[in-house]
Amino acid sequence: MKDPVDLVLCEPAPFLFGVNGHFTVTDGSSVWIVVVTCEAMRATASPPEASLSRLVQFADNYLDMAERALSRGEDQDGKIWIFERHVLSRPGGAHLAHVRLTDLRSI
């Protein structure tokens, strides 16, 4: 396992491409694309939904999952994938607490 990584959102703003959500993060020296699968978005809260609204609403949670995945060396070709299993394995499992994003206001 690598050292813990502190990531922040960067441009472009979160977007959907196909059925998956995407946003960009940086640790100050490298940039990764975080891909949140539609299954992961649906497992995040009730009712099950894979949308840009869901991606933005829970971006802080997905960012935490991306930090953990990156510290485990799970990045692939500049991408960090967030799957349903990541959402379900978090404390509280599905139905994560709603967190408002302050980082997105600056994008």
N, C-alpha and C. Protein backbone atom coordinates (compact mmCIF):
# COMPACT_ATOMS: atom_id res chain seq x y z
N MET A 1 0.84 -1.18 0.00
CA MET A 1 0.00 0.00 0.00
C MET A 1 0.89 1.24 0.00
N LYS A 2 0.52 2.19 -0.83
CA LYS A 2 1.25 3.45 -0.92
C LYS A 2 0.82 4.38 0.20
N ASP A 3 1.55 5.51 0.33
CA ASP A 3 1.17 6.51 1.32
C ASP A 3 -0.21 7.07 0.99
N PRO A 4 -0.95 7.53 2.03
CA PRO A 4 -2.25 8.16 1.77
C PRO A 4 -2.11 9.34 0.81
N VAL A 5 -3.10 9.53 -0.02
CA VAL A 5 -3.07 10.57 -1.03
C VAL A 5 -4.18 11.57 -0.73
N ASP A 6 -3.90 12.85 -0.87
CA ASP A 6 -4.90 13.90 -0.67
C ASP A 6 -5.23 14.49 -2.03
N LEU A 7 -6.41 14.19 -2.53
CA LEU A 7 -6.84 14.65 -3.85
C LEU A 7 -7.82 15.80 -3.73
N VAL A 8 -7.82 16.67 -4.73
CA VAL A 8 -8.81 17.75 -4.83
C VAL A 8 -9.38 17.73 -6.24
N LEU A 9 -10.62 18.18 -6.35
CA LEU A 9 -11.25 18.29 -7.66
C LEU A 9 -10.59 19.36 -8.48
N CYS A 10 -10.54 19.16 -9.78
CA CYS A 10 -10.01 20.19 -10.68
C CYS A 10 -10.86 20.19 -11.96
N GLU A 11 -10.56 21.08 -12.87
CA GLU A 11 -11.33 21.19 -14.11
C GLU A 11 -11.00 20.03 -15.03
N PRO A 12 -11.92 19.62 -15.87
CA PRO A 12 -13.25 20.17 -16.08
C PRO A 12 -14.21 19.73 -14.99
N ALA A 13 -15.36 20.39 -14.94
CA ALA A 13 -16.41 20.05 -13.97
C ALA A 13 -16.89 18.63 -14.23
N PRO A 14 -17.47 17.98 -13.23
CA PRO A 14 -17.99 16.62 -13.43
C PRO A 14 -18.92 16.53 -14.63
N PHE A 15 -18.88 15.38 -15.31
CA PHE A 15 -19.72 15.19 -16.49
C PHE A 15 -20.04 13.71 -16.66
N LEU A 16 -21.07 13.44 -17.44
CA LEU A 16 -21.42 12.08 -17.80
C LEU A 16 -20.90 11.81 -19.21
N PHE A 17 -20.36 10.62 -19.41
CA PHE A 17 -19.96 10.18 -20.74
C PHE A 17 -20.44 8.76 -20.86
N GLY A 18 -21.38 8.53 -21.76
CA GLY A 18 -22.04 7.24 -21.79
C GLY A 18 -22.89 7.12 -20.54
N VAL A 19 -22.76 5.99 -19.86
CA VAL A 19 -23.56 5.78 -18.65
C VAL A 19 -22.79 6.08 -17.37
N ASN A 20 -21.50 6.38 -17.47
CA ASN A 20 -20.65 6.59 -16.30
C ASN A 20 -20.40 8.07 -16.04
N GLY A 21 -20.16 8.38 -14.77
CA GLY A 21 -19.80 9.74 -14.39
C GLY A 21 -18.28 9.89 -14.37
N HIS A 22 -17.81 11.10 -14.67
CA HIS A 22 -16.39 11.39 -14.69
C HIS A 22 -16.11 12.73 -14.01
N PHE A 23 -15.00 12.80 -13.28
CA PHE A 23 -14.49 14.08 -12.81
C PHE A 23 -12.97 13.96 -12.67
N THR A 24 -12.32 15.08 -12.64
CA THR A 24 -10.86 15.10 -12.59
C THR A 24 -10.38 15.52 -11.23
N VAL A 25 -9.28 14.89 -10.79
CA VAL A 25 -8.68 15.18 -9.49
C VAL A 25 -7.18 15.33 -9.65
N THR A 26 -6.60 16.02 -8.68
CA THR A 26 -5.15 16.20 -8.68
C THR A 26 -4.62 16.12 -7.26
N ASP A 27 -3.37 15.72 -7.15
CA ASP A 27 -2.67 15.77 -5.87
C ASP A 27 -1.68 16.92 -5.86
N GLY A 28 -1.74 17.77 -6.89
CA GLY A 28 -0.84 18.91 -7.02
C GLY A 28 0.27 18.67 -8.03
N SER A 29 0.56 17.40 -8.31
CA SER A 29 1.59 17.11 -9.29
C SER A 29 1.10 16.22 -10.42
N SER A 30 0.10 15.39 -10.15
CA SER A 30 -0.47 14.51 -11.16
C SER A 30 -1.98 14.72 -11.23
N VAL A 31 -2.56 14.34 -12.37
CA VAL A 31 -3.99 14.47 -12.58
C VAL A 31 -4.54 13.11 -12.97
N TRP A 32 -5.70 12.74 -12.41
CA TRP A 32 -6.37 11.49 -12.74
C TRP A 32 -7.82 11.79 -13.10
N ILE A 33 -8.39 10.93 -13.91
CA ILE A 33 -9.83 10.96 -14.17
C ILE A 33 -10.46 9.90 -13.29
N VAL A 34 -11.45 10.30 -12.51
CA VAL A 34 -12.19 9.36 -11.68
C VAL A 34 -13.44 8.98 -12.47
N VAL A 35 -13.61 7.68 -12.69
CA VAL A 35 -14.78 7.17 -13.40
C VAL A 35 -15.66 6.47 -12.39
N VAL A 36 -16.88 6.98 -12.23
CA VAL A 36 -17.85 6.40 -11.30
C VAL A 36 -18.87 5.65 -12.16
N THR A 37 -18.90 4.34 -12.00
CA THR A 37 -19.81 3.55 -12.83
C THR A 37 -21.27 3.87 -12.49
N CYS A 38 -22.13 3.61 -13.47
CA CYS A 38 -23.56 3.86 -13.23
C CYS A 38 -24.06 2.99 -12.08
N GLU A 39 -23.54 1.78 -11.94
CA GLU A 39 -23.93 0.91 -10.84
C GLU A 39 -23.52 1.51 -9.49
N ALA A 40 -22.35 2.13 -9.44
CA ALA A 40 -21.89 2.77 -8.21
C ALA A 40 -22.80 3.95 -7.86
N MET A 41 -23.16 4.76 -8.85
CA MET A 41 -24.06 5.89 -8.57
C MET A 41 -25.40 5.39 -8.08
N ARG A 42 -25.93 4.33 -8.69
CA ARG A 42 -27.23 3.79 -8.28
C ARG A 42 -27.18 3.24 -6.86
N ALA A 43 -26.04 2.68 -6.45
CA ALA A 43 -25.91 2.09 -5.11
C ALA A 43 -25.67 3.14 -4.03
N THR A 44 -25.42 4.37 -4.42
CA THR A 44 -25.04 5.40 -3.48
C THR A 44 -26.19 5.85 -2.58
N ALA A 45 -27.38 5.98 -3.12
CA ALA A 45 -28.50 6.49 -2.34
C ALA A 45 -29.80 6.01 -2.97
N SER A 46 -30.87 6.20 -2.23
CA SER A 46 -32.18 5.81 -2.73
C SER A 46 -32.94 7.08 -3.11
N PRO A 47 -33.66 7.07 -4.20
CA PRO A 47 -33.88 5.96 -5.12
C PRO A 47 -32.65 5.76 -6.00
N PRO A 48 -32.45 4.53 -6.50
CA PRO A 48 -31.31 4.25 -7.38
C PRO A 48 -31.36 5.18 -8.59
N GLU A 49 -30.24 5.86 -8.83
CA GLU A 49 -30.20 6.84 -9.91
C GLU A 49 -28.76 6.99 -10.38
N ALA A 50 -28.58 7.04 -11.68
CA ALA A 50 -27.27 7.33 -12.26
C ALA A 50 -27.43 8.61 -13.07
N SER A 51 -27.03 9.73 -12.49
CA SER A 51 -27.25 11.03 -13.13
C SER A 51 -26.12 11.99 -12.76
N LEU A 52 -26.06 13.07 -13.51
CA LEU A 52 -25.09 14.11 -13.20
C LEU A 52 -25.36 14.70 -11.82
N SER A 53 -26.62 14.86 -11.50
CA SER A 53 -26.99 15.38 -10.18
C SER A 53 -26.45 14.48 -9.07
N ARG A 54 -26.60 13.17 -9.21
CA ARG A 54 -26.09 12.22 -8.21
C ARG A 54 -24.57 12.31 -8.14
N LEU A 55 -23.92 12.39 -9.28
CA LEU A 55 -22.45 12.47 -9.32
C LEU A 55 -21.96 13.69 -8.56
N VAL A 56 -22.57 14.83 -8.80
CA VAL A 56 -22.17 16.07 -8.14
C VAL A 56 -22.51 16.04 -6.66
N GLN A 57 -23.70 15.56 -6.34
CA GLN A 57 -24.16 15.52 -4.96
C GLN A 57 -23.23 14.70 -4.07
N PHE A 58 -22.69 13.61 -4.59
CA PHE A 58 -21.87 12.71 -3.79
C PHE A 58 -20.40 12.71 -4.21
N ALA A 59 -19.97 13.74 -4.91
CA ALA A 59 -18.59 13.80 -5.40
C ALA A 59 -17.57 13.70 -4.26
N ASP A 60 -17.85 14.31 -3.12
CA ASP A 60 -16.90 14.21 -1.99
C ASP A 60 -16.73 12.76 -1.54
N ASN A 61 -17.83 12.01 -1.53
CA ASN A 61 -17.75 10.60 -1.15
C ASN A 61 -16.93 9.81 -2.18
N TYR A 62 -17.19 10.06 -3.46
CA TYR A 62 -16.44 9.37 -4.51
C TYR A 62 -14.97 9.78 -4.46
N LEU A 63 -14.71 11.02 -4.11
CA LEU A 63 -13.33 11.49 -3.98
C LEU A 63 -12.60 10.72 -2.88
N ASP A 64 -13.27 10.50 -1.75
CA ASP A 64 -12.68 9.69 -0.67
C ASP A 64 -12.36 8.28 -1.15
N MET A 65 -13.28 7.69 -1.90
CA MET A 65 -13.07 6.34 -2.43
C MET A 65 -11.90 6.33 -3.41
N ALA A 66 -11.78 7.39 -4.21
CA ALA A 66 -10.67 7.49 -5.17
C ALA A 66 -9.34 7.59 -4.44
N GLU A 67 -9.29 8.35 -3.34
CA GLU A 67 -8.06 8.45 -2.56
C GLU A 67 -7.63 7.09 -2.03
N ARG A 68 -8.59 6.34 -1.54
CA ARG A 68 -8.27 5.00 -1.02
C ARG A 68 -7.81 4.07 -2.14
N ALA A 69 -8.50 4.13 -3.28
CA ALA A 69 -8.11 3.28 -4.42
C ALA A 69 -6.71 3.64 -4.90
N LEU A 70 -6.41 4.93 -4.96
CA LEU A 70 -5.09 5.36 -5.41
C LEU A 70 -4.01 4.93 -4.43
N SER A 71 -4.28 5.02 -3.14
CA SER A 71 -3.29 4.60 -2.15
C SER A 71 -3.05 3.09 -2.19
N ARG A 72 -4.03 2.34 -2.73
CA ARG A 72 -3.85 0.89 -2.92
C ARG A 72 -3.22 0.57 -4.28
N GLY A 73 -2.92 1.60 -5.07
CA GLY A 73 -2.30 1.39 -6.37
C GLY A 73 -3.27 0.90 -7.43
N GLU A 74 -4.55 1.24 -7.29
CA GLU A 74 -5.57 0.74 -8.20
C GLU A 74 -5.83 1.66 -9.39
N ASP A 75 -5.00 2.66 -9.62
CA ASP A 75 -5.18 3.51 -10.79
C ASP A 75 -4.69 2.75 -12.03
N GLN A 76 -5.37 3.01 -13.15
CA GLN A 76 -5.03 2.35 -14.40
C GLN A 76 -5.00 3.37 -15.52
N ASP A 77 -3.86 3.57 -16.11
CA ASP A 77 -3.73 4.47 -17.26
C ASP A 77 -4.32 5.85 -17.00
N GLY A 78 -4.04 6.41 -15.83
CA GLY A 78 -4.51 7.75 -15.50
C GLY A 78 -5.96 7.82 -15.05
N LYS A 79 -6.58 6.65 -14.82
CA LYS A 79 -7.97 6.62 -14.37
C LYS A 79 -8.07 5.87 -13.04
N ILE A 80 -9.02 6.33 -12.24
CA ILE A 80 -9.36 5.64 -10.99
C ILE A 80 -10.83 5.27 -11.11
N TRP A 81 -11.12 4.00 -11.08
CA TRP A 81 -12.49 3.51 -11.24
C TRP A 81 -13.15 3.32 -9.88
N ILE A 82 -14.39 3.82 -9.76
CA ILE A 82 -15.21 3.61 -8.58
C ILE A 82 -16.35 2.68 -9.00
N PHE A 83 -16.36 1.49 -8.42
CA PHE A 83 -17.36 0.49 -8.74
C PHE A 83 -18.37 0.37 -7.61
N GLU A 84 -19.44 -0.32 -7.88
CA GLU A 84 -20.47 -0.55 -6.87
C GLU A 84 -19.88 -1.16 -5.60
N ARG A 85 -18.92 -2.05 -5.74
CA ARG A 85 -18.32 -2.70 -4.57
C ARG A 85 -17.64 -1.69 -3.65
N HIS A 86 -17.08 -0.61 -4.21
CA HIS A 86 -16.47 0.43 -3.40
C HIS A 86 -17.53 1.13 -2.54
N VAL A 87 -18.67 1.43 -3.16
CA VAL A 87 -19.76 2.10 -2.44
C VAL A 87 -20.29 1.20 -1.33
N LEU A 88 -20.52 -0.06 -1.66
CA LEU A 88 -21.12 -0.97 -0.69
C LEU A 88 -20.18 -1.34 0.44
N SER A 89 -18.87 -1.23 0.22
CA SER A 89 -17.91 -1.60 1.27
C SER A 89 -17.58 -0.46 2.22
N ARG A 90 -18.06 0.74 1.92
CA ARG A 90 -17.84 1.88 2.83
C ARG A 90 -18.69 1.74 4.08
N PRO A 91 -18.24 2.32 5.19
CA PRO A 91 -19.11 2.34 6.38
C PRO A 91 -20.45 2.97 6.01
N GLY A 92 -21.51 2.32 6.37
CA GLY A 92 -22.83 2.80 6.00
C GLY A 92 -23.30 2.20 4.69
N GLY A 93 -22.38 1.55 3.96
CA GLY A 93 -22.74 0.91 2.70
C GLY A 93 -23.40 1.86 1.74
N ALA A 94 -24.44 1.36 1.10
CA ALA A 94 -25.21 2.23 0.22
C ALA A 94 -25.88 3.29 1.09
N HIS A 95 -26.44 4.27 0.48
CA HIS A 95 -27.14 5.35 1.16
C HIS A 95 -26.16 6.18 2.00
N LEU A 96 -25.16 6.69 1.35
CA LEU A 96 -24.18 7.56 2.00
C LEU A 96 -24.84 8.86 2.44
N ALA A 97 -24.28 9.46 3.45
CA ALA A 97 -24.80 10.75 3.92
C ALA A 97 -24.59 11.79 2.83
N HIS A 98 -25.56 12.66 2.63
CA HIS A 98 -25.45 13.73 1.64
C HIS A 98 -24.43 14.75 2.11
N VAL A 99 -23.50 15.10 1.23
CA VAL A 99 -22.48 16.09 1.53
C VAL A 99 -22.51 17.14 0.44
N ARG A 100 -22.64 18.39 0.80
CA ARG A 100 -22.60 19.46 -0.19
C ARG A 100 -21.16 19.74 -0.58
N LEU A 101 -20.96 20.02 -1.85
CA LEU A 101 -19.61 20.28 -2.35
C LEU A 101 -19.30 21.76 -2.31
N THR A 102 -18.19 22.11 -1.70
CA THR A 102 -17.72 23.48 -1.78
C THR A 102 -16.69 23.61 -2.88
N ASP A 103 -15.96 22.51 -3.16
CA ASP A 103 -14.94 22.53 -4.20
C ASP A 103 -15.51 22.82 -5.57
N LEU A 104 -16.71 22.34 -5.87
CA LEU A 104 -17.28 22.50 -7.20
C LEU A 104 -17.66 23.94 -7.48
N ARG A 105 -17.88 24.74 -6.46
CA ARG A 105 -18.23 26.13 -6.69
C ARG A 105 -17.09 26.89 -7.33
N SER A 106 -15.87 26.44 -7.14
CA SER A 106 -14.72 27.14 -7.70
C SER A 106 -14.39 26.69 -9.11
N ILE A 107 -15.04 25.62 -9.58
CA ILE A 107 -14.75 25.11 -10.93
C ILE A 107 -15.53 25.88 -11.95
